[in-house]
Amino acid sequence: MTKMIFLVLLLASGPLSADTKMDITTALDYFSEVWNEGDLEAIRGYYHPDFVLITQNGVTTLQQRLADIDSVAQEGQDRGVLRYSDITVKELEGKHAVAYGHSSLKFKDGSGFETWFTTVYVKTPFGWKALLTRN
């Protein structure tokens, strides 16, 4: 509940800087590239240390998320090919921004997932980091 209130408060957006939109869309492109390559260290760098993923199954912490990703890679499972589209970015108060759009993950056997997502980012000295994602 607290996380949802936090997200609602952050959605009061201000004017969008072109740099913010470009930086976040670049971060999403980078994430899909390193996902598709299976670069686990680079994947870890996309997330803020306080990251949480919220799905219909509940809340997943960063440590759980990375363990899930790591287990898929270690077992040699098909990670699929990740793509993002229809991305909208809005700058929020302070050092935050929100991006939402469509993501698809397609596997070698032809199956896949498609979903709409919302991610809150925080600006750090190391660039924009994903803080909270809702799928």
N, C-alpha and C. Protein backbone atom coordinates (compact mmCIF):
# COMPACT_ATOMS: atom_id res chain seq x y z
N MET A 1 0.81 -1.19 0.00
CA MET A 1 0.00 0.00 0.00
C MET A 1 0.86 1.26 0.00
N THR A 2 1.91 1.26 0.84
CA THR A 2 2.80 2.42 0.91
C THR A 2 3.47 2.65 -0.43
N LYS A 3 3.87 1.57 -1.09
CA LYS A 3 4.53 1.70 -2.38
C LYS A 3 3.60 2.29 -3.44
N MET A 4 2.33 1.91 -3.38
CA MET A 4 1.37 2.44 -4.34
C MET A 4 1.13 3.93 -4.10
N ILE A 5 1.07 4.34 -2.83
CA ILE A 5 0.92 5.77 -2.51
C ILE A 5 2.14 6.53 -3.02
N PHE A 6 3.33 5.96 -2.81
CA PHE A 6 4.57 6.55 -3.29
C PHE A 6 4.50 6.76 -4.80
N LEU A 7 4.06 5.74 -5.53
CA LEU A 7 3.97 5.82 -6.98
C LEU A 7 2.98 6.89 -7.42
N VAL A 8 1.84 6.95 -6.77
CA VAL A 8 0.83 7.96 -7.12
C VAL A 8 1.37 9.36 -6.89
N LEU A 9 2.06 9.58 -5.77
CA LEU A 9 2.63 10.89 -5.48
C LEU A 9 3.69 11.28 -6.51
N LEU A 10 4.45 10.31 -6.97
CA LEU A 10 5.49 10.60 -7.95
C LEU A 10 4.94 10.91 -9.34
N LEU A 11 3.73 10.50 -9.61
CA LEU A 11 3.19 10.68 -10.95
C LEU A 11 2.75 12.11 -11.26
N ALA A 12 2.90 13.02 -10.31
CA ALA A 12 2.64 14.44 -10.58
C ALA A 12 3.85 14.97 -11.35
N SER A 13 3.77 14.93 -12.67
CA SER A 13 4.96 15.18 -13.48
C SER A 13 5.15 16.65 -13.82
N GLY A 14 6.40 16.99 -14.02
CA GLY A 14 6.79 18.31 -14.46
C GLY A 14 7.16 18.27 -15.93
N PRO A 15 7.77 19.35 -16.45
CA PRO A 15 8.16 19.36 -17.84
C PRO A 15 9.26 18.34 -18.11
N LEU A 16 9.21 17.75 -19.27
CA LEU A 16 10.16 16.71 -19.65
C LEU A 16 11.37 17.31 -20.34
N SER A 17 12.54 17.00 -19.81
CA SER A 17 13.76 17.42 -20.47
C SER A 17 14.10 16.39 -21.55
N ALA A 18 14.57 16.86 -22.68
CA ALA A 18 14.92 15.95 -23.78
C ALA A 18 16.00 14.98 -23.33
N ASP A 19 16.92 15.45 -22.49
CA ASP A 19 17.98 14.58 -22.00
C ASP A 19 17.43 13.44 -21.15
N THR A 20 16.44 13.72 -20.32
CA THR A 20 15.85 12.68 -19.48
C THR A 20 15.21 11.61 -20.34
N LYS A 21 14.42 12.02 -21.32
CA LYS A 21 13.77 11.05 -22.19
C LYS A 21 14.81 10.21 -22.93
N MET A 22 15.82 10.84 -23.47
CA MET A 22 16.85 10.12 -24.20
C MET A 22 17.63 9.19 -23.27
N ASP A 23 17.97 9.67 -22.08
CA ASP A 23 18.74 8.86 -21.14
C ASP A 23 17.96 7.61 -20.71
N ILE A 24 16.67 7.76 -20.45
CA ILE A 24 15.89 6.61 -19.99
C ILE A 24 15.59 5.65 -21.13
N THR A 25 15.28 6.16 -22.30
CA THR A 25 15.06 5.24 -23.43
C THR A 25 16.37 4.52 -23.77
N THR A 26 17.49 5.20 -23.62
CA THR A 26 18.79 4.55 -23.82
C THR A 26 19.02 3.47 -22.76
N ALA A 27 18.63 3.75 -21.51
CA ALA A 27 18.76 2.75 -20.44
C ALA A 27 17.91 1.52 -20.74
N LEU A 28 16.70 1.71 -21.26
CA LEU A 28 15.84 0.57 -21.62
C LEU A 28 16.43 -0.20 -22.80
N ASP A 29 16.95 0.51 -23.78
CA ASP A 29 17.60 -0.16 -24.92
C ASP A 29 18.80 -0.97 -24.44
N TYR A 30 19.58 -0.37 -23.54
CA TYR A 30 20.75 -1.04 -22.99
C TYR A 30 20.33 -2.28 -22.22
N PHE A 31 19.28 -2.17 -21.39
CA PHE A 31 18.82 -3.32 -20.62
C PHE A 31 18.40 -4.45 -21.55
N SER A 32 17.64 -4.15 -22.60
CA SER A 32 17.21 -5.22 -23.51
C SER A 32 18.42 -5.83 -24.22
N GLU A 33 19.40 -5.02 -24.56
CA GLU A 33 20.61 -5.53 -25.22
C GLU A 33 21.38 -6.48 -24.30
N VAL A 34 21.61 -6.06 -23.05
CA VAL A 34 22.38 -6.93 -22.15
C VAL A 34 21.57 -8.15 -21.72
N TRP A 35 20.24 -8.02 -21.66
CA TRP A 35 19.39 -9.18 -21.40
C TRP A 35 19.57 -10.19 -22.53
N ASN A 36 19.46 -9.71 -23.76
CA ASN A 36 19.56 -10.59 -24.91
C ASN A 36 20.94 -11.24 -25.02
N GLU A 37 21.98 -10.55 -24.55
CA GLU A 37 23.33 -11.10 -24.56
C GLU A 37 23.61 -11.98 -23.34
N GLY A 38 22.77 -11.87 -22.31
CA GLY A 38 22.98 -12.66 -21.10
C GLY A 38 24.07 -12.10 -20.19
N ASP A 39 24.32 -10.80 -20.25
CA ASP A 39 25.37 -10.15 -19.45
C ASP A 39 24.82 -9.80 -18.06
N LEU A 40 24.97 -10.74 -17.12
CA LEU A 40 24.37 -10.58 -15.80
C LEU A 40 24.94 -9.39 -15.03
N GLU A 41 26.22 -9.12 -15.16
CA GLU A 41 26.81 -7.98 -14.45
C GLU A 41 26.21 -6.67 -14.95
N ALA A 42 26.04 -6.54 -16.26
CA ALA A 42 25.45 -5.33 -16.82
C ALA A 42 23.97 -5.21 -16.41
N ILE A 43 23.27 -6.33 -16.34
CA ILE A 43 21.88 -6.32 -15.90
C ILE A 43 21.79 -5.78 -14.48
N ARG A 44 22.69 -6.21 -13.62
CA ARG A 44 22.70 -5.73 -12.22
C ARG A 44 22.86 -4.22 -12.17
N GLY A 45 23.65 -3.65 -13.07
CA GLY A 45 23.92 -2.22 -13.08
C GLY A 45 22.72 -1.37 -13.46
N TYR A 46 21.71 -1.97 -14.05
CA TYR A 46 20.50 -1.24 -14.45
C TYR A 46 19.65 -0.85 -13.24
N TYR A 47 19.72 -1.65 -12.18
CA TYR A 47 18.83 -1.49 -11.03
C TYR A 47 19.44 -0.63 -9.92
N HIS A 48 18.58 0.13 -9.25
CA HIS A 48 18.95 0.84 -8.03
C HIS A 48 18.96 -0.18 -6.88
N PRO A 49 19.82 -0.01 -5.86
CA PRO A 49 19.86 -0.98 -4.75
C PRO A 49 18.52 -1.17 -4.03
N ASP A 50 17.62 -0.19 -4.07
CA ASP A 50 16.32 -0.30 -3.41
C ASP A 50 15.21 -0.78 -4.36
N PHE A 51 15.57 -1.30 -5.52
CA PHE A 51 14.60 -1.72 -6.52
C PHE A 51 13.62 -2.75 -5.98
N VAL A 52 12.34 -2.62 -6.41
CA VAL A 52 11.32 -3.64 -6.20
C VAL A 52 10.53 -3.82 -7.50
N LEU A 53 10.13 -5.05 -7.73
CA LEU A 53 9.26 -5.40 -8.85
C LEU A 53 7.91 -5.79 -8.27
N ILE A 54 6.86 -5.19 -8.81
CA ILE A 54 5.51 -5.50 -8.33
C ILE A 54 4.75 -6.17 -9.47
N THR A 55 4.25 -7.37 -9.22
CA THR A 55 3.46 -8.11 -10.20
C THR A 55 2.18 -8.59 -9.53
N GLN A 56 1.37 -9.31 -10.27
CA GLN A 56 0.15 -9.86 -9.70
C GLN A 56 0.45 -10.86 -8.59
N ASN A 57 1.70 -11.36 -8.53
CA ASN A 57 2.08 -12.32 -7.50
C ASN A 57 2.66 -11.65 -6.25
N GLY A 58 2.80 -10.34 -6.27
CA GLY A 58 3.31 -9.63 -5.10
C GLY A 58 4.58 -8.85 -5.40
N VAL A 59 5.35 -8.60 -4.34
CA VAL A 59 6.54 -7.77 -4.42
C VAL A 59 7.78 -8.66 -4.47
N THR A 60 8.69 -8.33 -5.39
CA THR A 60 9.96 -9.03 -5.51
C THR A 60 11.07 -8.02 -5.26
N THR A 61 11.96 -8.33 -4.33
CA THR A 61 13.08 -7.44 -4.03
C THR A 61 14.16 -7.58 -5.10
N LEU A 62 15.11 -6.66 -5.08
CA LEU A 62 16.22 -6.72 -6.02
C LEU A 62 16.97 -8.04 -5.90
N GLN A 63 17.26 -8.46 -4.68
CA GLN A 63 18.01 -9.71 -4.50
C GLN A 63 17.26 -10.90 -5.10
N GLN A 64 15.95 -10.96 -4.90
CA GLN A 64 15.14 -12.03 -5.48
C GLN A 64 15.13 -11.94 -7.00
N ARG A 65 15.00 -10.73 -7.52
CA ARG A 65 14.97 -10.53 -8.97
C ARG A 65 16.27 -11.00 -9.61
N LEU A 66 17.39 -10.60 -9.02
CA LEU A 66 18.69 -11.00 -9.57
C LEU A 66 18.91 -12.50 -9.44
N ALA A 67 18.45 -13.10 -8.36
CA ALA A 67 18.57 -14.55 -8.20
C ALA A 67 17.74 -15.27 -9.27
N ASP A 68 16.54 -14.76 -9.56
CA ASP A 68 15.71 -15.36 -10.61
C ASP A 68 16.39 -15.27 -11.97
N ILE A 69 16.94 -14.10 -12.28
CA ILE A 69 17.63 -13.91 -13.56
C ILE A 69 18.85 -14.81 -13.63
N ASP A 70 19.61 -14.86 -12.54
CA ASP A 70 20.83 -15.67 -12.48
C ASP A 70 20.52 -17.15 -12.67
N SER A 71 19.43 -17.63 -12.06
CA SER A 71 19.10 -19.06 -12.18
C SER A 71 18.74 -19.43 -13.61
N VAL A 72 18.06 -18.55 -14.31
CA VAL A 72 17.71 -18.82 -15.72
C VAL A 72 19.00 -18.92 -16.55
N ALA A 73 19.91 -18.01 -16.32
CA ALA A 73 21.16 -17.98 -17.10
C ALA A 73 22.03 -19.19 -16.77
N GLN A 74 22.15 -19.55 -15.48
CA GLN A 74 23.01 -20.66 -15.09
C GLN A 74 22.51 -21.99 -15.59
N GLU A 75 21.22 -22.16 -15.63
CA GLU A 75 20.65 -23.42 -16.07
C GLU A 75 20.62 -23.53 -17.59
N GLY A 76 21.10 -22.49 -18.28
CA GLY A 76 21.15 -22.52 -19.73
C GLY A 76 19.78 -22.44 -20.38
N GLN A 77 18.80 -21.97 -19.64
CA GLN A 77 17.47 -21.85 -20.19
C GLN A 77 17.40 -20.72 -21.21
N ASP A 78 16.42 -20.78 -22.06
CA ASP A 78 16.18 -19.75 -23.05
C ASP A 78 15.67 -18.49 -22.35
N ARG A 79 16.48 -17.43 -22.32
CA ARG A 79 16.07 -16.15 -21.70
C ARG A 79 15.07 -15.42 -22.58
N GLY A 80 15.03 -15.76 -23.84
CA GLY A 80 14.17 -15.06 -24.77
C GLY A 80 14.82 -13.79 -25.28
N VAL A 81 14.17 -13.16 -26.23
CA VAL A 81 14.62 -11.89 -26.80
C VAL A 81 13.66 -10.81 -26.30
N LEU A 82 14.23 -9.83 -25.60
CA LEU A 82 13.45 -8.77 -24.98
C LEU A 82 13.44 -7.54 -25.87
N ARG A 83 12.25 -6.94 -26.02
CA ARG A 83 12.10 -5.70 -26.79
C ARG A 83 11.13 -4.78 -26.06
N TYR A 84 11.41 -3.47 -26.16
CA TYR A 84 10.54 -2.44 -25.61
C TYR A 84 10.00 -1.60 -26.76
N SER A 85 8.76 -1.12 -26.62
CA SER A 85 8.18 -0.24 -27.63
C SER A 85 7.15 0.68 -26.97
N ASP A 86 6.71 1.67 -27.72
CA ASP A 86 5.68 2.61 -27.27
C ASP A 86 6.03 3.25 -25.91
N ILE A 87 7.28 3.66 -25.77
CA ILE A 87 7.78 4.19 -24.50
C ILE A 87 7.41 5.67 -24.34
N THR A 88 6.86 6.00 -23.18
CA THR A 88 6.60 7.38 -22.79
C THR A 88 7.40 7.64 -21.52
N VAL A 89 8.06 8.79 -21.46
CA VAL A 89 8.86 9.16 -20.28
C VAL A 89 8.35 10.50 -19.76
N LYS A 90 8.17 10.57 -18.46
CA LYS A 90 7.75 11.82 -17.81
C LYS A 90 8.68 12.10 -16.65
N GLU A 91 9.16 13.33 -16.58
CA GLU A 91 10.00 13.74 -15.48
C GLU A 91 9.12 14.03 -14.27
N LEU A 92 9.58 13.64 -13.08
CA LEU A 92 8.85 13.85 -11.84
C LEU A 92 9.63 14.83 -10.98
N GLU A 93 9.08 15.15 -9.82
CA GLU A 93 9.76 16.04 -8.88
C GLU A 93 11.13 15.49 -8.50
N GLY A 94 12.06 16.39 -8.24
CA GLY A 94 13.37 15.97 -7.76
C GLY A 94 14.15 15.20 -8.81
N LYS A 95 14.73 14.10 -8.38
CA LYS A 95 15.59 13.30 -9.24
C LYS A 95 14.87 12.05 -9.75
N HIS A 96 13.58 12.13 -10.00
CA HIS A 96 12.82 10.95 -10.41
C HIS A 96 12.16 11.17 -11.77
N ALA A 97 11.90 10.06 -12.43
CA ALA A 97 11.17 10.06 -13.70
C ALA A 97 10.41 8.75 -13.77
N VAL A 98 9.40 8.71 -14.62
CA VAL A 98 8.63 7.49 -14.82
C VAL A 98 8.60 7.20 -16.32
N ALA A 99 8.73 5.93 -16.65
CA ALA A 99 8.60 5.49 -18.04
C ALA A 99 7.56 4.39 -18.07
N TYR A 100 6.74 4.40 -19.11
CA TYR A 100 5.80 3.31 -19.29
C TYR A 100 5.73 2.97 -20.76
N GLY A 101 5.38 1.72 -21.00
CA GLY A 101 5.32 1.26 -22.38
C GLY A 101 5.06 -0.23 -22.46
N HIS A 102 5.37 -0.76 -23.61
CA HIS A 102 5.10 -2.16 -23.92
C HIS A 102 6.41 -2.93 -23.93
N SER A 103 6.40 -4.15 -23.38
CA SER A 103 7.57 -5.02 -23.47
C SER A 103 7.12 -6.37 -23.97
N SER A 104 8.01 -7.00 -24.72
CA SER A 104 7.73 -8.35 -25.20
C SER A 104 8.98 -9.20 -25.03
N LEU A 105 8.75 -10.45 -24.68
CA LEU A 105 9.82 -11.42 -24.50
C LEU A 105 9.44 -12.64 -25.32
N LYS A 106 10.20 -12.90 -26.37
CA LYS A 106 9.90 -14.00 -27.29
C LYS A 106 10.96 -15.09 -27.15
N PHE A 107 10.51 -16.34 -27.05
CA PHE A 107 11.40 -17.48 -26.87
C PHE A 107 11.60 -18.23 -28.18
N LYS A 108 12.65 -19.05 -28.21
CA LYS A 108 12.99 -19.80 -29.43
C LYS A 108 11.88 -20.72 -29.89
N ASP A 109 11.08 -21.23 -28.95
CA ASP A 109 10.00 -22.15 -29.33
C ASP A 109 8.76 -21.43 -29.85
N GLY A 110 8.84 -20.09 -29.96
CA GLY A 110 7.72 -19.31 -30.49
C GLY A 110 6.81 -18.76 -29.42
N SER A 111 6.93 -19.23 -28.19
CA SER A 111 6.10 -18.69 -27.12
C SER A 111 6.67 -17.36 -26.66
N GLY A 112 5.94 -16.71 -25.78
CA GLY A 112 6.43 -15.44 -25.27
C GLY A 112 5.45 -14.76 -24.34
N PHE A 113 5.87 -13.60 -23.86
CA PHE A 113 5.05 -12.77 -22.98
C PHE A 113 5.01 -11.38 -23.56
N GLU A 114 3.87 -10.74 -23.43
CA GLU A 114 3.75 -9.33 -23.77
C GLU A 114 3.02 -8.66 -22.62
N THR A 115 3.50 -7.50 -22.24
CA THR A 115 2.91 -6.80 -21.11
C THR A 115 3.16 -5.30 -21.23
N TRP A 116 2.40 -4.54 -20.50
CA TRP A 116 2.64 -3.11 -20.34
C TRP A 116 3.31 -2.94 -18.98
N PHE A 117 4.23 -2.03 -18.90
CA PHE A 117 4.98 -1.83 -17.67
C PHE A 117 5.03 -0.34 -17.33
N THR A 118 5.31 -0.08 -16.07
CA THR A 118 5.60 1.26 -15.57
C THR A 118 6.83 1.13 -14.69
N THR A 119 7.84 1.96 -14.94
CA THR A 119 9.05 1.95 -14.12
C THR A 119 9.35 3.35 -13.63
N VAL A 120 9.59 3.46 -12.33
CA VAL A 120 10.05 4.72 -11.72
C VAL A 120 11.57 4.64 -11.66
N TYR A 121 12.21 5.70 -12.13
CA TYR A 121 13.68 5.79 -12.13
C TYR A 121 14.12 6.88 -11.18
N VAL A 122 15.34 6.72 -10.67
CA VAL A 122 15.97 7.74 -9.85
C VAL A 122 17.31 8.09 -10.49
N LYS A 123 17.61 9.37 -10.55
CA LYS A 123 18.87 9.85 -11.13
C LYS A 123 19.96 9.67 -10.08
N THR A 124 21.04 9.00 -10.45
CA THR A 124 22.18 8.78 -9.56
C THR A 124 23.42 9.34 -10.24
N PRO A 125 24.53 9.40 -9.54
CA PRO A 125 25.78 9.82 -10.19
C PRO A 125 26.19 8.89 -11.33
N PHE A 126 25.60 7.69 -11.36
CA PHE A 126 25.92 6.69 -12.38
C PHE A 126 24.83 6.57 -13.44
N GLY A 127 23.94 7.56 -13.52
CA GLY A 127 22.87 7.55 -14.49
C GLY A 127 21.53 7.18 -13.87
N TRP A 128 20.51 7.03 -14.70
CA TRP A 128 19.17 6.68 -14.25
C TRP A 128 19.12 5.19 -13.90
N LYS A 129 18.60 4.89 -12.72
CA LYS A 129 18.50 3.51 -12.25
C LYS A 129 17.04 3.17 -11.97
N ALA A 130 16.63 1.97 -12.34
CA ALA A 130 15.26 1.53 -12.08
C ALA A 130 15.06 1.33 -10.59
N LEU A 131 14.02 1.97 -10.05
CA LEU A 131 13.73 1.93 -8.62
C LEU A 131 12.52 1.03 -8.33
N LEU A 132 11.49 1.11 -9.19
CA LEU A 132 10.26 0.36 -8.98
C LEU A 132 9.65 0.07 -10.34
N THR A 133 9.33 -1.20 -10.58
CA THR A 133 8.65 -1.58 -11.82
C THR A 133 7.37 -2.29 -11.47
N ARG A 134 6.31 -1.95 -12.20
CA ARG A 134 5.02 -2.61 -12.07
C ARG A 134 4.67 -3.22 -13.42
N ASN A 135 4.53 -4.55 -13.44
CA ASN A 135 4.11 -5.26 -14.66
C ASN A 135 2.70 -5.74 -14.48
